[in-house]
Every structure is written in C-alpha cells, then in structure tokens.
Amino acid sequence: SSVYGANTKYPFSVRHNVDHPLSLYAA
C-alpha cells in the first residue's frame, strides 16, 4: 500500500496514480 505515496484520495484504488512515492521502500 506504500506505493500510493502522496495520493490522498481515499480509499486507495488500483486505478489511482502511484507516481509519487514518499519512501525508497515504496519506490
């Protein structure tokens, strides 16, 4: 779930953009 990063649109959907990770783990 860390891949959702800076996204704040809840709940997180697999259709959401995940191009803004907040940790190297997420990246």
PDB file of all heavy atoms in Angstrom:
ATOM      1  N   SER A   1       0.822  -1.207   0.000  1.00  0.00           N
ATOM      2  CA  SER A   1       0.000   0.000   0.000  1.00  0.00           C
ATOM      3  C   SER A   1       0.860   1.262   0.000  1.00  0.00           C
ATOM      4  O   SER A   1       0.375   2.349  -0.336  1.00  0.00           O
ATOM      5  CB  SER A   1      -0.922   0.017   1.226  1.00  0.00           C
ATOM      6  OG  SER A   1      -0.169   0.010   2.430  1.00  0.00           O
ATOM      7  N   SER A   2       2.139   1.119   0.341  1.00  0.00           N
ATOM      8  CA  SER A   2       3.037   2.283   0.353  1.00  0.00           C
ATOM      9  C   SER A   2       3.186   2.921  -1.023  1.00  0.00           C
ATOM     10  O   SER A   2       3.574   4.091  -1.126  1.00  0.00           O
ATOM     11  CB  SER A   2       4.417   1.878   0.879  1.00  0.00           C
ATOM     12  OG  SER A   2       4.355   1.451   2.215  1.00  0.00           O
ATOM     13  N   VAL A   3       2.881   2.167  -2.091  1.00  0.00           N
ATOM     14  CA  VAL A   3       3.052   2.737  -3.435  1.00  0.00           C
ATOM     15  C   VAL A   3       2.137   3.925  -3.666  1.00  0.00           C
ATOM     16  O   VAL A   3       2.399   4.745  -4.561  1.00  0.00           O
ATOM     17  CB  VAL A   3       2.821   1.677  -4.540  1.00  0.00           C
ATOM     18  CG1 VAL A   3       3.778   0.508  -4.383  1.00  0.00           C
ATOM     19  CG2 VAL A   3       1.378   1.204  -4.582  1.00  0.00           C
ATOM     20  N   TYR A   4       1.053   4.058  -2.883  1.00  0.00           N
ATOM     21  CA  TYR A   4       0.122   5.164  -3.103  1.00  0.00           C
ATOM     22  C   TYR A   4       0.717   6.508  -2.708  1.00  0.00           C
ATOM     23  O   TYR A   4       0.225   7.556  -3.142  1.00  0.00           O
ATOM     24  CB  TYR A   4      -1.201   4.899  -2.371  1.00  0.00           C
ATOM     25  CG  TYR A   4      -1.989   3.789  -3.024  1.00  0.00           C
ATOM     26  CD1 TYR A   4      -2.028   2.517  -2.464  1.00  0.00           C
ATOM     27  CD2 TYR A   4      -2.655   3.992  -4.221  1.00  0.00           C
ATOM     28  CE1 TYR A   4      -2.722   1.482  -3.074  1.00  0.00           C
ATOM     29  CE2 TYR A   4      -3.343   2.959  -4.837  1.00  0.00           C
ATOM     30  CZ  TYR A   4      -3.378   1.707  -4.261  1.00  0.00           C
ATOM     31  OH  TYR A   4      -4.062   0.691  -4.883  1.00  0.00           O
ATOM     32  N   GLY A   5       1.743   6.500  -1.873  1.00  0.00           N
ATOM     33  CA  GLY A   5       2.539   7.689  -1.615  1.00  0.00           C
ATOM     34  C   GLY A   5       1.749   8.932  -1.277  1.00  0.00           C
ATOM     35  O   GLY A   5       0.978   8.973  -0.322  1.00  0.00           O
ATOM     36  N   ALA A   6       1.931   9.973  -2.099  1.00  0.00           N
ATOM     37  CA  ALA A   6       1.334  11.280  -1.831  1.00  0.00           C
ATOM     38  C   ALA A   6      -0.154  11.342  -2.157  1.00  0.00           C
ATOM     39  O   ALA A   6      -0.793  12.364  -1.893  1.00  0.00           O
ATOM     40  CB  ALA A   6       2.079  12.358  -2.624  1.00  0.00           C
ATOM     41  N   ASN A   7      -0.711  10.283  -2.726  1.00  0.00           N
ATOM     42  CA  ASN A   7      -2.136  10.269  -3.048  1.00  0.00           C
ATOM     43  C   ASN A   7      -2.976  10.380  -1.773  1.00  0.00           C
ATOM     44  O   ASN A   7      -2.746   9.663  -0.805  1.00  0.00           O
ATOM     45  CB  ASN A   7      -2.488   8.969  -3.778  1.00  0.00           C
ATOM     46  CG  ASN A   7      -3.970   8.838  -4.065  1.00  0.00           C
ATOM     47  OD1 ASN A   7      -4.629   9.828  -4.380  1.00  0.00           O
ATOM     48  ND2 ASN A   7      -4.495   7.628  -3.944  1.00  0.00           N
ATOM     49  N   THR A   8      -3.942  11.265  -1.765  1.00  0.00           N
ATOM     50  CA  THR A   8      -4.818  11.418  -0.603  1.00  0.00           C
ATOM     51  C   THR A   8      -6.284  11.188  -0.967  1.00  0.00           C
ATOM     52  O   THR A   8      -7.187  11.575  -0.221  1.00  0.00           O
ATOM     53  CB  THR A   8      -4.670  12.816   0.026  1.00  0.00           C
ATOM     54  OG1 THR A   8      -4.913  13.821  -0.967  1.00  0.00           O
ATOM     55  CG2 THR A   8      -3.273  12.999   0.611  1.00  0.00           C
ATOM     56  N   LYS A   9      -6.536  10.581  -2.113  1.00  0.00           N
ATOM     57  CA  LYS A   9      -7.899  10.242  -2.498  1.00  0.00           C
ATOM     58  C   LYS A   9      -8.217   8.862  -1.933  1.00  0.00           C
ATOM     59  O   LYS A   9      -7.647   7.863  -2.349  1.00  0.00           O
ATOM     60  CB  LYS A   9      -8.033  10.238  -4.020  1.00  0.00           C
ATOM     61  CG  LYS A   9      -9.457   9.973  -4.511  1.00  0.00           C
ATOM     62  CD  LYS A   9      -9.533  10.032  -6.034  1.00  0.00           C
ATOM     63  CE  LYS A   9     -10.958   9.771  -6.525  1.00  0.00           C
ATOM     64  NZ  LYS A   9     -11.044   9.831  -8.007  1.00  0.00           N
ATOM     65  N   TYR A  10      -9.159   8.819  -0.978  1.00  0.00           N
ATOM     66  CA  TYR A  10      -9.467   7.572  -0.281  1.00  0.00           C
ATOM     67  C   TYR A  10     -10.839   7.049  -0.689  1.00  0.00           C
ATOM     68  O   TYR A  10     -11.749   7.835  -0.977  1.00  0.00           O
ATOM     69  CB  TYR A  10      -9.441   7.785   1.235  1.00  0.00           C
ATOM     70  CG  TYR A  10      -8.123   8.302   1.758  1.00  0.00           C
ATOM     71  CD1 TYR A  10      -8.041   9.553   2.365  1.00  0.00           C
ATOM     72  CD2 TYR A  10      -6.966   7.553   1.619  1.00  0.00           C
ATOM     73  CE1 TYR A  10      -6.839  10.043   2.832  1.00  0.00           C
ATOM     74  CE2 TYR A  10      -5.756   8.034   2.096  1.00  0.00           C
ATOM     75  CZ  TYR A  10      -5.696   9.277   2.688  1.00  0.00           C
ATOM     76  OH  TYR A  10      -4.494   9.756   3.152  1.00  0.00           O
ATOM     77  N   PRO A  11     -11.035   5.737  -0.670  1.00  0.00           N
ATOM     78  CA  PRO A  11      -9.999   4.723  -0.440  1.00  0.00           C
ATOM     79  C   PRO A  11      -9.073   4.582  -1.634  1.00  0.00           C
ATOM     80  O   PRO A  11      -9.423   4.972  -2.748  1.00  0.00           O
ATOM     81  CB  PRO A  11     -10.814   3.455  -0.211  1.00  0.00           C
ATOM     82  CG  PRO A  11     -12.059   3.672  -1.008  1.00  0.00           C
ATOM     83  CD  PRO A  11     -12.363   5.142  -0.892  1.00  0.00           C
ATOM     84  N   PHE A  12      -7.883   4.030  -1.397  1.00  0.00           N
ATOM     85  CA  PHE A  12      -6.909   3.845  -2.466  1.00  0.00           C
ATOM     86  C   PHE A  12      -7.418   2.791  -3.455  1.00  0.00           C
ATOM     87  O   PHE A  12      -7.795   1.691  -3.069  1.00  0.00           O
ATOM     88  CB  PHE A  12      -5.571   3.366  -1.905  1.00  0.00           C
ATOM     89  CG  PHE A  12      -4.865   4.386  -1.053  1.00  0.00           C
ATOM     90  CD1 PHE A  12      -4.006   3.977  -0.047  1.00  0.00           C
ATOM     91  CD2 PHE A  12      -5.043   5.742  -1.258  1.00  0.00           C
ATOM     92  CE1 PHE A  12      -3.335   4.902   0.742  1.00  0.00           C
ATOM     93  CE2 PHE A  12      -4.381   6.683  -0.471  1.00  0.00           C
ATOM     94  CZ  PHE A  12      -3.526   6.258   0.532  1.00  0.00           C
ATOM     95  N   SER A  13      -7.397   3.129  -4.722  1.00  0.00           N
ATOM     96  CA  SER A  13      -7.831   2.209  -5.766  1.00  0.00           C
ATOM     97  C   SER A  13      -6.651   1.834  -6.652  1.00  0.00           C
ATOM     98  O   SER A  13      -5.753   2.655  -6.890  1.00  0.00           O
ATOM     99  CB  SER A  13      -8.924   2.867  -6.627  1.00  0.00           C
ATOM    100  OG  SER A  13      -9.171   2.116  -7.797  1.00  0.00           O
ATOM    101  N   VAL A  14      -6.670   0.603  -7.162  1.00  0.00           N
ATOM    102  CA  VAL A  14      -5.610   0.175  -8.075  1.00  0.00           C
ATOM    103  C   VAL A  14      -5.646   0.981  -9.376  1.00  0.00           C
ATOM    104  O   VAL A  14      -4.726   0.879 -10.187  1.00  0.00           O
ATOM    105  CB  VAL A  14      -5.710  -1.334  -8.387  1.00  0.00           C
ATOM    106  CG1 VAL A  14      -5.288  -2.150  -7.175  1.00  0.00           C
ATOM    107  CG2 VAL A  14      -7.100  -1.724  -8.851  1.00  0.00           C
ATOM    108  N   ARG A  15      -6.682   1.764  -9.566  1.00  0.00           N
ATOM    109  CA  ARG A  15      -6.767   2.621 -10.756  1.00  0.00           C
ATOM    110  C   ARG A  15      -6.150   3.994 -10.538  1.00  0.00           C
ATOM    111  O   ARG A  15      -6.032   4.780 -11.464  1.00  0.00           O
ATOM    112  CB  ARG A  15      -8.229   2.765 -11.192  1.00  0.00           C
ATOM    113  CG  ARG A  15      -8.866   1.455 -11.624  1.00  0.00           C
ATOM    114  CD  ARG A  15     -10.362   1.601 -11.875  1.00  0.00           C
ATOM    115  NE  ARG A  15     -10.943   0.351 -12.329  1.00  0.00           N
ATOM    116  CZ  ARG A  15     -11.300  -0.645 -11.547  1.00  0.00           C
ATOM    117  NH1 ARG A  15     -11.117  -0.538 -10.242  1.00  0.00           N
ATOM    118  NH2 ARG A  15     -11.823  -1.752 -12.038  1.00  0.00           N
ATOM    119  N   HIS A  16      -5.767   4.284  -9.279  1.00  0.00           N
ATOM    120  CA  HIS A  16      -5.194   5.592  -8.970  1.00  0.00           C
ATOM    121  C   HIS A  16      -3.751   5.713  -9.457  1.00  0.00           C
ATOM    122  O   HIS A  16      -3.033   4.719  -9.596  1.00  0.00           O
ATOM    123  CB  HIS A  16      -5.220   5.842  -7.460  1.00  0.00           C
ATOM    124  CG  HIS A  16      -6.587   6.103  -6.918  1.00  0.00           C
ATOM    125  ND1 HIS A  16      -6.842   6.183  -5.569  1.00  0.00           N
ATOM    126  CD2 HIS A  16      -7.776   6.306  -7.528  1.00  0.00           C
ATOM    127  CE1 HIS A  16      -8.132   6.413  -5.367  1.00  0.00           C
ATOM    128  NE2 HIS A  16      -8.713   6.490  -6.552  1.00  0.00           N
ATOM    129  N   ASN A  17      -3.321   6.955  -9.647  1.00  0.00           N
ATOM    130  CA  ASN A  17      -1.932   7.238  -9.987  1.00  0.00           C
ATOM    131  C   ASN A  17      -1.033   6.940  -8.790  1.00  0.00           C
ATOM    132  O   ASN A  17      -1.356   7.297  -7.658  1.00  0.00           O
ATOM    133  CB  ASN A  17      -1.798   8.707 -10.396  1.00  0.00           C
ATOM    134  CG  ASN A  17      -0.389   9.075 -10.806  1.00  0.00           C
ATOM    135  OD1 ASN A  17       0.480   9.226  -9.954  1.00  0.00           O
ATOM    136  ND2 ASN A  17      -0.164   9.218 -12.089  1.00  0.00           N
ATOM    137  N   VAL A  18       0.091   6.273  -9.055  1.00  0.00           N
ATOM    138  CA  VAL A  18       1.024   5.944  -7.965  1.00  0.00           C
ATOM    139  C   VAL A  18       2.445   6.366  -8.348  1.00  0.00           C
ATOM    140  O   VAL A  18       3.415   5.663  -8.068  1.00  0.00           O
ATOM    141  CB  VAL A  18       0.981   4.435  -7.613  1.00  0.00           C
ATOM    142  CG1 VAL A  18      -0.304   4.095  -6.888  1.00  0.00           C
ATOM    143  CG2 VAL A  18       1.120   3.572  -8.856  1.00  0.00           C
ATOM    144  N   ASP A  19       2.573   7.528  -8.923  1.00  0.00           N
ATOM    145  CA  ASP A  19       3.869   8.006  -9.400  1.00  0.00           C
ATOM    146  C   ASP A  19       4.552   8.962  -8.430  1.00  0.00           C
ATOM    147  O   ASP A  19       5.515   9.638  -8.817  1.00  0.00           O
ATOM    148  CB  ASP A  19       3.712   8.694 -10.757  1.00  0.00           C
ATOM    149  CG  ASP A  19       3.349   7.710 -11.858  1.00  0.00           C
ATOM    150  OD1 ASP A  19       3.663   6.511 -11.692  1.00  0.00           O
ATOM    151  OD2 ASP A  19       2.755   8.130 -12.864  1.00  0.00           O
ATOM    152  N   HIS A  20       4.074   9.037  -7.190  1.00  0.00           N
ATOM    153  CA  HIS A  20       4.684   9.955  -6.220  1.00  0.00           C
ATOM    154  C   HIS A  20       4.955   9.242  -4.896  1.00  0.00           C
ATOM    155  O   HIS A  20       4.353   9.559  -3.866  1.00  0.00           O
ATOM    156  CB  HIS A  20       3.782  11.178  -6.013  1.00  0.00           C
ATOM    157  CG  HIS A  20       3.566  11.970  -7.253  1.00  0.00           C
ATOM    158  ND1 HIS A  20       2.583  11.680  -8.171  1.00  0.00           N
ATOM    159  CD2 HIS A  20       4.249  13.039  -7.758  1.00  0.00           C
ATOM    160  CE1 HIS A  20       2.648  12.538  -9.173  1.00  0.00           C
ATOM    161  NE2 HIS A  20       3.645  13.356  -8.955  1.00  0.00           N
ATOM    162  N   PRO A  21       5.870   8.262  -4.898  1.00  0.00           N
ATOM    163  CA  PRO A  21       6.211   7.551  -3.655  1.00  0.00           C
ATOM    164  C   PRO A  21       6.877   8.488  -2.658  1.00  0.00           C
ATOM    165  O   PRO A  21       7.538   9.457  -3.035  1.00  0.00           O
ATOM    166  CB  PRO A  21       7.168   6.454  -4.132  1.00  0.00           C
ATOM    167  CG  PRO A  21       7.766   6.997  -5.397  1.00  0.00           C
ATOM    168  CD  PRO A  21       6.688   7.807  -6.045  1.00  0.00           C
ATOM    169  N   LEU A  22       6.706   8.166  -1.367  1.00  0.00           N
ATOM    170  CA  LEU A  22       7.267   9.006  -0.307  1.00  0.00           C
ATOM    171  C   LEU A  22       8.420   8.341   0.434  1.00  0.00           C
ATOM    172  O   LEU A  22       8.939   8.903   1.393  1.00  0.00           O
ATOM    173  CB  LEU A  22       6.155   9.377   0.691  1.00  0.00           C
ATOM    174  CG  LEU A  22       5.004  10.202   0.115  1.00  0.00           C
ATOM    175  CD1 LEU A  22       3.984  10.526   1.207  1.00  0.00           C
ATOM    176  CD2 LEU A  22       5.503  11.478  -0.540  1.00  0.00           C
ATOM    177  N   SER A  23       8.815   7.159   0.011  1.00  0.00           N
ATOM    178  CA  SER A  23       9.964   6.469   0.605  1.00  0.00           C
ATOM    179  C   SER A  23      10.621   5.609  -0.464  1.00  0.00           C
ATOM    180  O   SER A  23       9.985   5.247  -1.463  1.00  0.00           O
ATOM    181  CB  SER A  23       9.522   5.588   1.788  1.00  0.00           C
ATOM    182  OG  SER A  23       8.743   4.493   1.332  1.00  0.00           O
ATOM    183  N   LEU A  24      11.883   5.274  -0.243  1.00  0.00           N
ATOM    184  CA  LEU A  24      12.564   4.394  -1.186  1.00  0.00           C
ATOM    185  C   LEU A  24      11.914   3.018  -1.195  1.00  0.00           C
ATOM    186  O   LEU A  24      11.814   2.370  -2.247  1.00  0.00           O
ATOM    187  CB  LEU A  24      14.049   4.273  -0.838  1.00  0.00           C
ATOM    188  CG  LEU A  24      14.840   3.395  -1.825  1.00  0.00           C
ATOM    189  CD1 LEU A  24      14.907   4.056  -3.197  1.00  0.00           C
ATOM    190  CD2 LEU A  24      16.237   3.101  -1.311  1.00  0.00           C
ATOM    191  N   TYR A  25      11.451   2.558  -0.025  1.00  0.00           N
ATOM    192  CA  TYR A  25      10.734   1.279   0.014  1.00  0.00           C
ATOM    193  C   TYR A  25       9.558   1.294  -0.956  1.00  0.00           C
ATOM    194  O   TYR A  25       9.385   0.375  -1.760  1.00  0.00           O
ATOM    195  CB  TYR A  25      10.244   1.002   1.436  1.00  0.00           C
ATOM    196  CG  TYR A  25       9.266  -0.143   1.518  1.00  0.00           C
ATOM    197  CD1 TYR A  25       9.665  -1.448   1.241  1.00  0.00           C
ATOM    198  CD2 TYR A  25       7.926   0.068   1.860  1.00  0.00           C
ATOM    199  CE1 TYR A  25       8.763  -2.500   1.298  1.00  0.00           C
ATOM    200  CE2 TYR A  25       7.027  -0.975   1.927  1.00  0.00           C
ATOM    201  CZ  TYR A  25       7.445  -2.255   1.641  1.00  0.00           C
ATOM    202  OH  TYR A  25       6.555  -3.298   1.690  1.00  0.00           O
ATOM    203  N   ALA A  26       8.747   2.334  -0.888  1.00  0.00           N
ATOM    204  CA  ALA A  26       7.602   2.450  -1.788  1.00  0.00           C
ATOM    205  C   ALA A  26       8.048   2.479  -3.246  1.00  0.00           C
ATOM    206  O   ALA A  26       7.417   1.853  -4.109  1.00  0.00           O
ATOM    207  CB  ALA A  26       6.802   3.700  -1.446  1.00  0.00           C
ATOM    208  N   ALA A  27       9.119   3.186  -3.522  1.00  0.00           N
ATOM    209  CA  ALA A  27       9.617   3.270  -4.899  1.00  0.00           C
ATOM    210  C   ALA A  27      10.051   1.910  -5.421  1.00  0.00           C
ATOM    211  O   ALA A  27       9.803   1.576  -6.589  1.00  0.00           O
ATOM    212  CB  ALA A  27      10.776   4.264  -4.977  1.00  0.00           C
TER     213      ALA A  27
END
